[in-house]
Amino acid sequence: MHNLFESIPEGLTEELTEVLTGSGNVRIERIVSRGHASPEGFWYDQAQREFVLLLRGSAALEFEGREAPIEMGPGDFLVIDAHRRHRVTRTARDGDTVWLAVHFG
């Protein structure tokens, strides 16, 4: 038995990404951010689709070609198509932002 909100390091200086499980072309990750964002000019361009669920905290995601970032709070989720360029513009600075990400397809 495991809990997504446990075993988060106190001194989290870099975003934490942990693979929880996976098989074949599916990978499930826990991501913990604490005021982290994508570096300026960096875009994710992934070969697989990604289901991302924000469990705790807040964040903003920017998508190439979209004018305004998408604001996310607890319970919000998105499915990001393969090769849809995106980046994290901000995460909460006053606590942990915990994501569940499922890469598939």
C-alpha atoms as a PDB file:
ATOM      1  CA  MET A   1       0.000   0.000   0.000  1.00  0.00           C
ATOM      2  CA  HIS A   2       1.269   3.470  -0.923  1.00  0.00           C
ATOM      3  CA  ASN A   3      -0.008   7.039  -0.615  1.00  0.00           C
ATOM      4  CA  LEU A   4       0.657   9.753  -3.229  1.00  0.00           C
ATOM      5  CA  PHE A   5       0.967  12.433  -0.538  1.00  0.00           C
ATOM      6  CA  GLU A   6       3.578  10.629   1.579  1.00  0.00           C
ATOM      7  CA  SER A   7       7.360  10.370   1.248  1.00  0.00           C
ATOM      8  CA  ILE A   8       7.795  13.832  -0.242  1.00  0.00           C
ATOM      9  CA  PRO A   9      11.270  15.181   0.623  1.00  0.00           C
ATOM     10  CA  GLU A  10      11.345  18.293   2.837  1.00  0.00           C
ATOM     11  CA  GLY A  11      14.104  20.103   0.954  1.00  0.00           C
ATOM     12  CA  LEU A  12      12.731  19.700  -2.573  1.00  0.00           C
ATOM     13  CA  THR A  13      15.040  21.888  -4.672  1.00  0.00           C
ATOM     14  CA  GLU A  14      14.158  20.278  -8.014  1.00  0.00           C
ATOM     15  CA  GLU A  15      10.870  18.930  -9.279  1.00  0.00           C
ATOM     16  CA  LEU A  16      10.413  15.286  -8.258  1.00  0.00           C
ATOM     17  CA  THR A  17       9.239  12.756 -10.862  1.00  0.00           C
ATOM     18  CA  GLU A  18       8.740   9.141  -9.792  1.00  0.00           C
ATOM     19  CA  VAL A  19       7.540   6.252 -11.948  1.00  0.00           C
ATOM     20  CA  LEU A  20       4.903   4.452  -9.884  1.00  0.00           C
ATOM     21  CA  THR A  21       4.239   1.624 -12.339  1.00  0.00           C
ATOM     22  CA  GLY A  22       4.065   0.852 -16.009  1.00  0.00           C
ATOM     23  CA  SER A  23       3.926  -1.827 -18.633  1.00  0.00           C
ATOM     24  CA  GLY A  24       4.373  -1.797 -22.374  1.00  0.00           C
ATOM     25  CA  ASN A  25       3.506   1.654 -23.647  1.00  0.00           C
ATOM     26  CA  VAL A  26       1.921   2.871 -20.377  1.00  0.00           C
ATOM     27  CA  ARG A  27       3.825   4.716 -17.632  1.00  0.00           C
ATOM     28  CA  ILE A  28       2.235   6.209 -14.501  1.00  0.00           C
ATOM     29  CA  GLU A  29       4.153   8.900 -12.630  1.00  0.00           C
ATOM     30  CA  ARG A  30       3.823  11.033  -9.528  1.00  0.00           C
ATOM     31  CA  ILE A  31       5.225  14.522 -10.025  1.00  0.00           C
ATOM     32  CA  VAL A  32       5.773  16.911  -7.116  1.00  0.00           C
ATOM     33  CA  SER A  33       6.454  20.584  -7.804  1.00  0.00           C
ATOM     34  CA  ARG A  34       7.157  23.314  -5.274  1.00  0.00           C
ATOM     35  CA  GLY A  35       7.242  26.602  -7.129  1.00  0.00           C
ATOM     36  CA  HIS A  36       8.882  24.933 -10.116  1.00  0.00           C
ATOM     37  CA  ALA A  37       8.289  25.831 -13.755  1.00  0.00           C
ATOM     38  CA  SER A  38       9.717  24.849 -17.127  1.00  0.00           C
ATOM     39  CA  PRO A  39      12.885  26.736 -18.042  1.00  0.00           C
ATOM     40  CA  GLU A  40      12.328  29.768 -20.280  1.00  0.00           C
ATOM     41  CA  GLY A  41      12.140  28.647 -23.905  1.00  0.00           C
ATOM     42  CA  PHE A  42      11.764  24.933 -23.016  1.00  0.00           C
ATOM     43  CA  TRP A  43       8.805  22.969 -24.436  1.00  0.00           C
ATOM     44  CA  TYR A  44       7.767  19.390 -23.753  1.00  0.00           C
ATOM     45  CA  ASP A  45       7.270  17.547 -27.053  1.00  0.00           C
ATOM     46  CA  GLN A  46       6.431  13.987 -26.074  1.00  0.00           C
ATOM     47  CA  ALA A  47       5.982  10.974 -28.328  1.00  0.00           C
ATOM     48  CA  GLN A  48       3.071   9.647 -26.233  1.00  0.00           C
ATOM     49  CA  ARG A  49      -0.269  11.077 -25.134  1.00  0.00           C
ATOM     50  CA  GLU A  50      -0.398  12.202 -21.515  1.00  0.00           C
ATOM     51  CA  PHE A  51      -3.282  12.268 -19.046  1.00  0.00           C
ATOM     52  CA  VAL A  52      -2.364  14.702 -16.291  1.00  0.00           C
ATOM     53  CA  LEU A  53      -4.417  15.153 -13.102  1.00  0.00           C
ATOM     54  CA  LEU A  54      -3.620  17.846 -10.564  1.00  0.00           C
ATOM     55  CA  LEU A  55      -4.273  16.416  -7.090  1.00  0.00           C
ATOM     56  CA  ARG A  56      -2.988  19.181  -4.796  1.00  0.00           C
ATOM     57  CA  GLY A  57      -1.750  22.737  -5.232  1.00  0.00           C
ATOM     58  CA  SER A  58      -2.077  24.828  -8.373  1.00  0.00           C
ATOM     59  CA  ALA A  59      -0.348  25.249 -11.717  1.00  0.00           C
ATOM     60  CA  ALA A  60      -0.535  26.928 -15.092  1.00  0.00           C
ATOM     61  CA  LEU A  61       0.192  25.147 -18.367  1.00  0.00           C
ATOM     62  CA  GLU A  62       1.047  26.965 -21.585  1.00  0.00           C
ATOM     63  CA  PHE A  63       0.445  25.371 -24.970  1.00  0.00           C
ATOM     64  CA  GLU A  64       2.221  26.505 -28.117  1.00  0.00           C
ATOM     65  CA  GLY A  65      -0.154  28.552 -30.248  1.00  0.00           C
ATOM     66  CA  ARG A  66      -2.601  29.198 -27.388  1.00  0.00           C
ATOM     67  CA  GLU A  67      -2.698  32.779 -26.167  1.00  0.00           C
ATOM     68  CA  ALA A  68      -3.340  32.284 -22.441  1.00  0.00           C
ATOM     69  CA  PRO A  69      -2.073  29.589 -20.053  1.00  0.00           C
ATOM     70  CA  ILE A  70      -4.555  27.081 -18.625  1.00  0.00           C
ATOM     71  CA  GLU A  71      -4.947  27.488 -14.858  1.00  0.00           C
ATOM     72  CA  MET A  72      -5.309  24.214 -12.944  1.00  0.00           C
ATOM     73  CA  GLY A  73      -6.434  23.397  -9.417  1.00  0.00           C
ATOM     74  CA  PRO A  74      -7.141  20.202  -7.465  1.00  0.00           C
ATOM     75  CA  GLY A  75      -9.230  17.769  -9.492  1.00  0.00           C
ATOM     76  CA  ASP A  76      -8.516  19.394 -12.862  1.00  0.00           C
ATOM     77  CA  PHE A  77      -7.180  17.129 -15.591  1.00  0.00           C
ATOM     78  CA  LEU A  78      -6.147  17.298 -19.237  1.00  0.00           C
ATOM     79  CA  VAL A  79      -5.291  14.870 -21.997  1.00  0.00           C
ATOM     80  CA  ILE A  80      -2.337  16.194 -23.963  1.00  0.00           C
ATOM     81  CA  ASP A  81      -1.929  14.783 -27.453  1.00  0.00           C
ATOM     82  CA  ALA A  82       1.426  13.395 -28.564  1.00  0.00           C
ATOM     83  CA  HIS A  83       3.748  16.123 -29.862  1.00  0.00           C
ATOM     84  CA  ARG A  84       1.503  18.912 -28.502  1.00  0.00           C
ATOM     85  CA  ARG A  85       4.158  21.330 -27.321  1.00  0.00           C
ATOM     86  CA  HIS A  86       3.520  22.555 -23.782  1.00  0.00           C
ATOM     87  CA  ARG A  87       5.275  23.877 -20.715  1.00  0.00           C
ATOM     88  CA  VAL A  88       4.578  24.557 -17.052  1.00  0.00           C
ATOM     89  CA  THR A  89       4.612  28.312 -16.456  1.00  0.00           C
ATOM     90  CA  ARG A  90       4.110  28.134 -12.683  1.00  0.00           C
ATOM     91  CA  THR A  91       3.268  25.928  -9.723  1.00  0.00           C
ATOM     92  CA  ALA A  92       2.258  26.929  -6.199  1.00  0.00           C
ATOM     93  CA  ARG A  93       5.095  28.376  -4.114  1.00  0.00           C
ATOM     94  CA  ASP A  94       3.312  27.987  -0.775  1.00  0.00           C
ATOM     95  CA  GLY A  95       3.116  24.190  -0.777  1.00  0.00           C
ATOM     96  CA  ASP A  96       3.388  21.070  -2.868  1.00  0.00           C
ATOM     97  CA  THR A  97       1.714  20.702  -6.229  1.00  0.00           C
ATOM     98  CA  VAL A  98       1.123  16.973  -6.712  1.00  0.00           C
ATOM     99  CA  TRP A  99       0.332  15.588 -10.171  1.00  0.00           C
ATOM    100  CA  LEU A 100      -0.569  12.141 -11.443  1.00  0.00           C
ATOM    101  CA  ALA A 101       0.600  11.670 -15.035  1.00  0.00           C
ATOM    102  CA  VAL A 102      -0.247   8.709 -17.251  1.00  0.00           C
ATOM    103  CA  HIS A 103       1.746   8.403 -20.485  1.00  0.00           C
ATOM    104  CA  PHE A 104       0.147   6.105 -23.056  1.00  0.00           C
ATOM    105  CA  GLY A 105      -0.384   5.312 -26.735  1.00  0.00           C
END
